[in-house]
Amino acid sequence: MFAREKSLDSLLELFEHPSSSRTEVLSKALHSALNLAEAEGATLLVTHNRQLERWTLLRDGGSPETVAASRPSSEFGRMLLKAVHPIQLLDAEKDARTGAEDGCPGLDS
């Protein structure tokens, strides 16, 4: 299967089962991000009960790791806690709003 077809399949898979649990949806989103970006890792910062959770998946890792993030010190982390809609970053390393704690642990950028 071509890379483009794999990416499309992973996106379609996100919406195939509307009754999927929150954990399943976030896990599928991370896998899709890895495929789409052809990246070595992906991180989601998600607000849950007015706190940040960091979901991380490395290409060779298998399943996502979840960590409750401490009180955000970066502008981006504070923005997430106030945001009503998702915020997308194209390159967290180059965005002045992000801090080191917002990146993907185990990877340089």
C-alpha atoms as a PDB file:
ATOM      1  CA  MET A   1       0.000   0.000   0.000  1.00  0.00           C
ATOM      2  CA  PHE A   2       1.310   3.446  -0.896  1.00  0.00           C
ATOM      3  CA  ALA A   3       2.107   5.970   1.864  1.00  0.00           C
ATOM      4  CA  ARG A   4      -0.703   8.255   0.698  1.00  0.00           C
ATOM      5  CA  GLU A   5      -3.238   5.421   0.862  1.00  0.00           C
ATOM      6  CA  LYS A   6      -2.021   4.425   4.341  1.00  0.00           C
ATOM      7  CA  SER A   7      -2.480   8.010   5.514  1.00  0.00           C
ATOM      8  CA  LEU A   8      -6.000   8.172   4.121  1.00  0.00           C
ATOM      9  CA  ASP A   9      -6.875   4.822   5.687  1.00  0.00           C
ATOM     10  CA  SER A  10      -5.646   5.948   9.099  1.00  0.00           C
ATOM     11  CA  LEU A  11      -7.737   9.132   8.882  1.00  0.00           C
ATOM     12  CA  LEU A  12     -10.843   7.213   7.846  1.00  0.00           C
ATOM     13  CA  GLU A  13     -10.276   4.777  10.705  1.00  0.00           C
ATOM     14  CA  LEU A  14     -10.608   7.653  13.195  1.00  0.00           C
ATOM     15  CA  PHE A  15     -14.235   8.126  12.203  1.00  0.00           C
ATOM     16  CA  GLU A  16     -15.311   4.559  11.437  1.00  0.00           C
ATOM     17  CA  HIS A  17     -16.431   3.744  14.961  1.00  0.00           C
ATOM     18  CA  PRO A  18     -18.198   6.737  16.495  1.00  0.00           C
ATOM     19  CA  SER A  19     -18.652   4.862  19.775  1.00  0.00           C
ATOM     20  CA  SER A  20     -14.886   4.518  20.315  1.00  0.00           C
ATOM     21  CA  SER A  21     -13.607   5.526  23.722  1.00  0.00           C
ATOM     22  CA  ARG A  22     -11.637   8.710  24.273  1.00  0.00           C
ATOM     23  CA  THR A  23      -8.472   6.625  24.718  1.00  0.00           C
ATOM     24  CA  GLU A  24      -9.014   4.814  21.409  1.00  0.00           C
ATOM     25  CA  VAL A  25      -9.672   8.051  19.501  1.00  0.00           C
ATOM     26  CA  LEU A  26      -6.553   9.762  20.888  1.00  0.00           C
ATOM     27  CA  SER A  27      -4.439   6.674  20.204  1.00  0.00           C
ATOM     28  CA  LYS A  28      -5.689   6.512  16.611  1.00  0.00           C
ATOM     29  CA  ALA A  29      -5.039  10.248  16.202  1.00  0.00           C
ATOM     30  CA  LEU A  30      -1.410   9.775  17.277  1.00  0.00           C
ATOM     31  CA  HIS A  31      -0.921   6.848  14.899  1.00  0.00           C
ATOM     32  CA  SER A  32      -2.469   8.900  12.088  1.00  0.00           C
ATOM     33  CA  ALA A  33      -0.162  11.830  12.854  1.00  0.00           C
ATOM     34  CA  LEU A  34       2.880   9.544  12.640  1.00  0.00           C
ATOM     35  CA  ASN A  35       1.763   8.234   9.259  1.00  0.00           C
ATOM     36  CA  LEU A  36       0.758  11.594   7.821  1.00  0.00           C
ATOM     37  CA  ALA A  37       3.889  13.430   8.902  1.00  0.00           C
ATOM     38  CA  GLU A  38       6.184  10.435   8.386  1.00  0.00           C
ATOM     39  CA  ALA A  39       7.571  11.423  11.784  1.00  0.00           C
ATOM     40  CA  GLU A  40       9.553   9.579  14.424  1.00  0.00           C
ATOM     41  CA  GLY A  41       7.144  10.663  17.162  1.00  0.00           C
ATOM     42  CA  ALA A  42       3.978  12.601  17.881  1.00  0.00           C
ATOM     43  CA  THR A  43       2.611  14.365  20.937  1.00  0.00           C
ATOM     44  CA  LEU A  44      -0.885  15.511  21.825  1.00  0.00           C
ATOM     45  CA  LEU A  45      -1.442  17.953  24.655  1.00  0.00           C
ATOM     46  CA  VAL A  46      -5.040  17.447  25.709  1.00  0.00           C
ATOM     47  CA  THR A  47      -7.074  19.243  28.339  1.00  0.00           C
ATOM     48  CA  HIS A  48      -9.045  16.941  30.599  1.00  0.00           C
ATOM     49  CA  ASN A  49     -10.795  18.123  33.766  1.00  0.00           C
ATOM     50  CA  ARG A  50      -9.025  21.506  33.472  1.00  0.00           C
ATOM     51  CA  GLN A  51      -5.584  19.859  33.459  1.00  0.00           C
ATOM     52  CA  LEU A  52      -3.174  19.026  30.655  1.00  0.00           C
ATOM     53  CA  GLU A  53      -2.406  15.458  29.636  1.00  0.00           C
ATOM     54  CA  ARG A  54       0.532  14.658  27.373  1.00  0.00           C
ATOM     55  CA  TRP A  55      -0.042  11.743  25.000  1.00  0.00           C
ATOM     56  CA  THR A  56       3.169  10.618  23.288  1.00  0.00           C
ATOM     57  CA  LEU A  57       3.804   7.963  20.672  1.00  0.00           C
ATOM     58  CA  LEU A  58       7.203   7.092  19.219  1.00  0.00           C
ATOM     59  CA  ARG A  59       7.389   5.196  15.943  1.00  0.00           C
ATOM     60  CA  ASP A  60       9.118   2.247  17.597  1.00  0.00           C
ATOM     61  CA  GLY A  61       7.124   2.550  20.841  1.00  0.00           C
ATOM     62  CA  GLY A  62       3.993   0.520  20.130  1.00  0.00           C
ATOM     63  CA  SER A  63       1.313   2.127  22.289  1.00  0.00           C
ATOM     64  CA  PRO A  64       0.958   5.732  23.463  1.00  0.00           C
ATOM     65  CA  GLU A  65       2.212   6.876  26.838  1.00  0.00           C
ATOM     66  CA  THR A  66       0.040   9.227  28.875  1.00  0.00           C
ATOM     67  CA  VAL A  67       1.363  11.584  31.525  1.00  0.00           C
ATOM     68  CA  ALA A  68      -0.494  14.204  33.509  1.00  0.00           C
ATOM     69  CA  ALA A  69       1.394  17.382  32.686  1.00  0.00           C
ATOM     70  CA  SER A  70       2.267  19.745  35.485  1.00  0.00           C
ATOM     71  CA  ARG A  71       0.961  23.301  35.534  1.00  0.00           C
ATOM     72  CA  PRO A  72       1.884  24.744  32.133  1.00  0.00           C
ATOM     73  CA  SER A  73       4.761  27.198  32.094  1.00  0.00           C
ATOM     74  CA  SER A  74       4.645  27.948  28.367  1.00  0.00           C
ATOM     75  CA  GLU A  75       2.290  30.380  26.689  1.00  0.00           C
ATOM     76  CA  PHE A  76       1.040  27.508  24.516  1.00  0.00           C
ATOM     77  CA  GLY A  77       0.148  25.365  27.542  1.00  0.00           C
ATOM     78  CA  ARG A  78      -1.779  28.217  29.105  1.00  0.00           C
ATOM     79  CA  MET A  79      -3.561  28.834  25.791  1.00  0.00           C
ATOM     80  CA  LEU A  80      -4.649  25.189  25.695  1.00  0.00           C
ATOM     81  CA  LEU A  81      -6.253  25.390  29.107  1.00  0.00           C
ATOM     82  CA  LYS A  82      -8.354  28.359  27.945  1.00  0.00           C
ATOM     83  CA  ALA A  83      -9.066  27.141  24.398  1.00  0.00           C
ATOM     84  CA  VAL A  84     -12.485  25.980  23.274  1.00  0.00           C
ATOM     85  CA  HIS A  85     -11.202  24.514  19.980  1.00  0.00           C
ATOM     86  CA  PRO A  86      -8.060  22.517  19.115  1.00  0.00           C
ATOM     87  CA  ILE A  87      -4.869  24.448  18.413  1.00  0.00           C
ATOM     88  CA  GLN A  88      -2.550  23.123  15.717  1.00  0.00           C
ATOM     89  CA  LEU A  89       1.193  23.723  15.566  1.00  0.00           C
ATOM     90  CA  LEU A  90       3.114  23.026  12.398  1.00  0.00           C
ATOM     91  CA  ASP A  91       6.506  23.050  14.108  1.00  0.00           C
ATOM     92  CA  ALA A  92       6.583  23.222  17.884  1.00  0.00           C
ATOM     93  CA  GLU A  93      10.324  23.829  17.912  1.00  0.00           C
ATOM     94  CA  LYS A  94       9.989  27.023  15.846  1.00  0.00           C
ATOM     95  CA  ASP A  95       6.862  28.382  17.541  1.00  0.00           C
ATOM     96  CA  ALA A  96       7.749  31.041  20.139  1.00  0.00           C
ATOM     97  CA  ARG A  97       4.677  30.145  22.243  1.00  0.00           C
ATOM     98  CA  THR A  98       5.933  26.662  23.087  1.00  0.00           C
ATOM     99  CA  GLY A  99       8.377  25.506  25.721  1.00  0.00           C
ATOM    100  CA  ALA A 100      10.586  22.437  26.013  1.00  0.00           C
ATOM    101  CA  GLU A 101       7.848  20.657  28.016  1.00  0.00           C
ATOM    102  CA  ASP A 102       5.444  20.904  25.049  1.00  0.00           C
ATOM    103  CA  GLY A 103       7.528  18.739  22.709  1.00  0.00           C
ATOM    104  CA  CYS A 104       7.813  15.017  22.192  1.00  0.00           C
ATOM    105  CA  PRO A 105       9.991  13.438  24.903  1.00  0.00           C
ATOM    106  CA  GLY A 106      12.799  11.380  23.420  1.00  0.00           C
ATOM    107  CA  LEU A 107      13.050  13.418  20.210  1.00  0.00           C
ATOM    108  CA  ASP A 108      14.947  16.604  19.416  1.00  0.00           C
ATOM    109  CA  SER A 109      12.075  18.460  17.734  1.00  0.00           C
END
